[in-house]
């Protein structure tokens, strides 16, 4: 059975998982996911969908969430490096509207567990990155929503390097503000 180290973040529910990596002159081996290890760590989830994306430097995806079919996610970087962000959207949470960011890379092999009730996004820091994630619910395109990446109330400090051009999908430039999100939900 593989071993993992689990760290709590400054926002309840978010966790950073570091797998045990076995390396030698040939390369390395690690268990990316072992249900027994995750259950023992208190992450007792059933993942139903695995996704992977490839992006070039400067691509910013997010901040995404599903409204009626919320997803918990277990995210990691297979190749390259990204700055990954989760924003707490849980009404009544002591950290509502706060975010946690972490660098995920092929070198550090860390994973980021994000429970339901969070918006999620990432910025590619390396020339190229492959990003993989497991979800606890299926993707419902008509249920997707988001918060604009540069919302002034959330104030995410994206690590934009000098000369880095940010690249977005059309929809990621049109998401609502956090204030609009709260108003729509009476929060």
Protein backbone atom coordinates (compact mmCIF):
# COMPACT_ATOMS: atom_id res chain seq x y z
CA UNK A 1 0.00 0.00 0.00
CA UNK A 2 1.30 3.44 -0.88
CA UNK A 3 1.77 6.18 1.63
CA UNK A 4 0.65 9.77 1.44
CA UNK A 5 1.23 12.82 3.58
CA UNK A 6 -1.81 15.06 4.01
CA UNK A 7 -1.57 18.72 5.06
CA UNK A 8 -4.54 20.87 6.01
CA UNK A 9 -4.67 24.33 4.44
CA UNK A 10 -5.72 27.66 5.97
CA UNK A 11 -9.24 26.99 4.64
CA UNK A 12 -11.14 24.07 6.17
CA UNK A 13 -11.58 21.13 3.81
CA UNK A 14 -8.73 21.95 1.43
CA UNK A 15 -5.87 19.47 1.61
CA UNK A 16 -2.43 19.12 0.06
CA UNK A 17 -1.45 15.52 -0.60
CA UNK A 18 2.14 14.45 -1.14
CA UNK A 19 2.59 10.87 -2.36
CA UNK A 20 5.50 8.63 -1.47
CA UNK A 21 7.80 8.57 -4.50
CA UNK A 22 10.16 5.67 -5.15
CA UNK A 23 12.99 6.76 -7.44
CA UNK A 24 16.21 5.31 -8.76
CA UNK A 25 18.44 5.62 -11.82
CA UNK A 26 15.59 4.37 -14.05
CA UNK A 27 13.10 7.04 -12.99
CA UNK A 28 10.36 6.86 -10.36
CA UNK A 29 7.14 5.14 -9.31
CA UNK A 30 4.30 6.49 -7.16
CA UNK A 31 0.70 5.66 -6.44
CA UNK A 32 -1.34 8.62 -7.61
CA UNK A 33 -4.52 7.44 -5.93
CA UNK A 34 -5.21 4.62 -3.49
CA UNK A 35 -8.73 4.64 -2.04
CA UNK A 36 -7.60 2.99 1.20
CA UNK A 37 -4.95 5.67 1.82
CA UNK A 38 -7.34 8.50 1.01
CA UNK A 39 -10.12 7.00 3.17
CA UNK A 40 -7.63 6.65 6.06
CA UNK A 41 -6.74 10.33 5.59
CA UNK A 42 -10.42 11.34 5.87
CA UNK A 43 -10.96 11.92 2.14
CA UNK A 44 -13.67 9.32 1.69
CA UNK A 45 -14.86 10.20 -1.80
CA UNK A 46 -15.99 8.34 -4.89
CA UNK A 47 -14.49 9.84 -8.01
CA UNK A 48 -16.53 9.28 -11.19
CA UNK A 49 -14.63 11.19 -13.87
CA UNK A 50 -10.97 11.82 -14.70
CA UNK A 51 -9.99 14.81 -16.85
CA UNK A 52 -6.74 16.07 -18.32
CA UNK A 53 -5.85 19.29 -20.08
CA UNK A 54 -2.77 20.65 -21.80
CA UNK A 55 -1.99 24.36 -21.84
CA UNK A 56 0.83 26.69 -22.72
CA UNK A 57 2.44 29.34 -20.52
CA UNK A 58 0.11 32.14 -19.49
CA UNK A 59 -3.13 30.18 -19.90
CA UNK A 60 -5.46 30.99 -17.01
CA UNK A 61 -8.44 28.66 -16.62
CA UNK A 62 -11.20 29.45 -14.16
CA UNK A 63 -12.56 30.22 -11.70
CA UNK A 64 -15.08 27.43 -12.40
CA UNK A 65 -17.75 25.64 -10.40
CA UNK A 66 -21.01 23.78 -11.02
CA UNK A 67 -24.19 25.16 -9.44
CA UNK A 68 -26.52 22.19 -8.92
CA UNK A 69 -24.00 19.37 -9.40
CA UNK A 70 -20.99 20.51 -7.35
CA UNK A 71 -17.78 18.55 -7.75
CA UNK A 72 -15.01 17.76 -5.32
CA UNK A 73 -11.72 17.60 -7.22
CA UNK A 74 -8.33 16.00 -6.74
CA UNK A 75 -5.94 17.91 -8.99
CA UNK A 76 -2.28 17.47 -9.97
CA UNK A 77 0.24 18.40 -12.63
CA UNK A 78 1.67 15.62 -14.78
CA UNK A 79 4.05 17.86 -16.72
CA UNK A 80 5.14 21.44 -16.12
CA UNK A 81 4.03 23.82 -13.37
CA UNK A 82 0.85 25.71 -12.48
CA UNK A 83 -0.41 28.00 -9.74
CA UNK A 84 -3.65 26.37 -8.59
CA UNK A 85 -6.38 28.26 -6.71
CA UNK A 86 -9.54 27.31 -4.80
CA UNK A 87 -12.02 29.98 -3.62
CA UNK A 88 -14.40 29.18 -0.76
CA UNK A 89 -18.02 29.67 -1.90
CA UNK A 90 -19.66 27.82 1.01
CA UNK A 91 -22.33 30.03 2.62
CA UNK A 92 -21.77 30.29 6.37
CA UNK A 93 -18.12 29.27 6.13
CA UNK A 94 -15.72 31.34 8.26
CA UNK A 95 -13.51 31.64 5.16
CA UNK A 96 -16.27 32.45 2.65
CA UNK A 97 -14.74 34.43 -0.22
CA UNK A 98 -11.14 33.58 0.70
CA UNK A 99 -8.78 31.63 -1.52
CA UNK A 100 -5.85 29.30 -1.16
CA UNK A 101 -3.20 29.01 -3.86
CA UNK A 102 -0.46 26.43 -4.33
CA UNK A 103 2.18 25.66 -6.93
CA UNK A 104 1.69 22.17 -8.36
CA UNK A 105 4.41 20.73 -10.55
CA UNK A 106 5.81 17.57 -12.05
CA UNK A 107 8.76 18.02 -9.67
CA UNK A 108 6.87 18.37 -6.36
CA UNK A 109 4.19 15.81 -7.38
CA UNK A 110 1.77 17.38 -4.89
CA UNK A 111 -1.98 16.98 -5.28
CA UNK A 112 -4.62 19.46 -4.15
CA UNK A 113 -7.94 18.17 -2.80
CA UNK A 114 -10.79 20.66 -3.24
CA UNK A 115 -14.18 19.67 -1.77
CA UNK A 116 -17.56 20.72 -3.12
CA UNK A 117 -18.39 24.38 -2.58
CA UNK A 118 -15.28 25.92 -4.11
CA UNK A 119 -14.52 27.72 -7.36
CA UNK A 120 -11.32 26.44 -8.99
CA UNK A 121 -8.79 27.78 -11.46
CA UNK A 122 -5.13 27.70 -12.40
CA UNK A 123 -2.43 29.67 -14.20
CA UNK A 124 0.26 27.88 -16.24
CA UNK A 125 3.73 29.02 -15.14
CA UNK A 126 5.89 26.71 -17.30
CA UNK A 127 6.18 26.78 -21.09
CA UNK A 128 3.73 23.86 -21.23
CA UNK A 129 1.68 21.99 -18.61
CA UNK A 130 -0.48 18.90 -18.45
CA UNK A 131 -3.06 19.09 -15.68
CA UNK A 132 -5.02 16.05 -14.46
CA UNK A 133 -7.94 15.88 -12.08
CA UNK A 134 -10.49 13.51 -10.65
CA UNK A 135 -14.10 14.67 -9.99
CA UNK A 136 -16.86 13.35 -7.74
CA UNK A 137 -19.63 14.28 -10.19
CA UNK A 138 -19.92 14.38 -13.94
CA UNK A 139 -19.45 17.55 -15.94
CA UNK A 140 -22.78 19.23 -16.74
CA UNK A 141 -22.10 21.98 -19.31
CA UNK A 142 -25.42 23.74 -18.67
CA UNK A 143 -24.67 23.87 -14.92
CA UNK A 144 -21.25 25.51 -15.16
CA UNK A 145 -20.62 28.94 -13.70
CA UNK A 146 -17.68 30.99 -12.55
CA UNK A 147 -16.20 33.98 -10.81
CA UNK A 148 -13.97 36.35 -12.80
CA UNK A 149 -10.27 35.60 -12.20
CA UNK A 150 -9.37 39.18 -11.20
CA UNK A 151 -12.26 39.87 -8.85
CA UNK A 152 -11.41 42.88 -6.64
CA UNK A 153 -13.09 41.40 -3.53
CA UNK A 154 -11.18 38.11 -3.67
CA UNK A 155 -7.85 39.69 -4.73
CA UNK A 156 -6.04 36.60 -5.94
CA UNK A 157 -2.32 37.26 -6.23
CA UNK A 158 -1.66 35.39 -9.47
CA UNK A 159 2.13 34.98 -9.95
CA UNK A 160 2.28 36.64 -13.35
CA UNK A 161 5.91 36.78 -14.48
CA UNK A 162 7.34 39.80 -16.27
CA UNK A 163 6.49 39.55 -19.96
CA UNK A 164 3.87 36.82 -19.40
CA UNK A 165 0.80 37.31 -21.58
CA UNK A 166 -2.37 35.96 -19.99
CA UNK A 167 -4.46 33.77 -22.28
CA UNK A 168 -8.15 33.05 -21.62
CA UNK A 169 -11.06 31.24 -23.17
CA UNK A 170 -13.87 33.59 -24.17
CA UNK A 171 -16.11 32.39 -21.31
CA UNK A 172 -13.39 32.92 -18.69
CA UNK A 173 -13.34 36.65 -19.46
CA UNK A 174 -17.11 36.97 -18.89
CA UNK A 175 -17.73 35.31 -15.53
CA UNK A 176 -19.58 37.24 -12.83
CA UNK A 177 -17.95 39.16 -10.01
CA UNK A 178 -18.01 37.79 -6.47
CA UNK A 179 -20.44 40.61 -5.52
CA UNK A 180 -22.80 39.51 -8.34
CA UNK A 181 -22.47 35.88 -7.22
CA UNK A 182 -23.46 36.86 -3.65
CA UNK A 183 -26.35 39.06 -4.84
CA UNK A 184 -27.73 36.30 -7.09
CA UNK A 185 -27.83 33.95 -4.10
CA UNK A 186 -28.97 36.46 -1.48
CA UNK A 187 -25.71 36.13 0.48
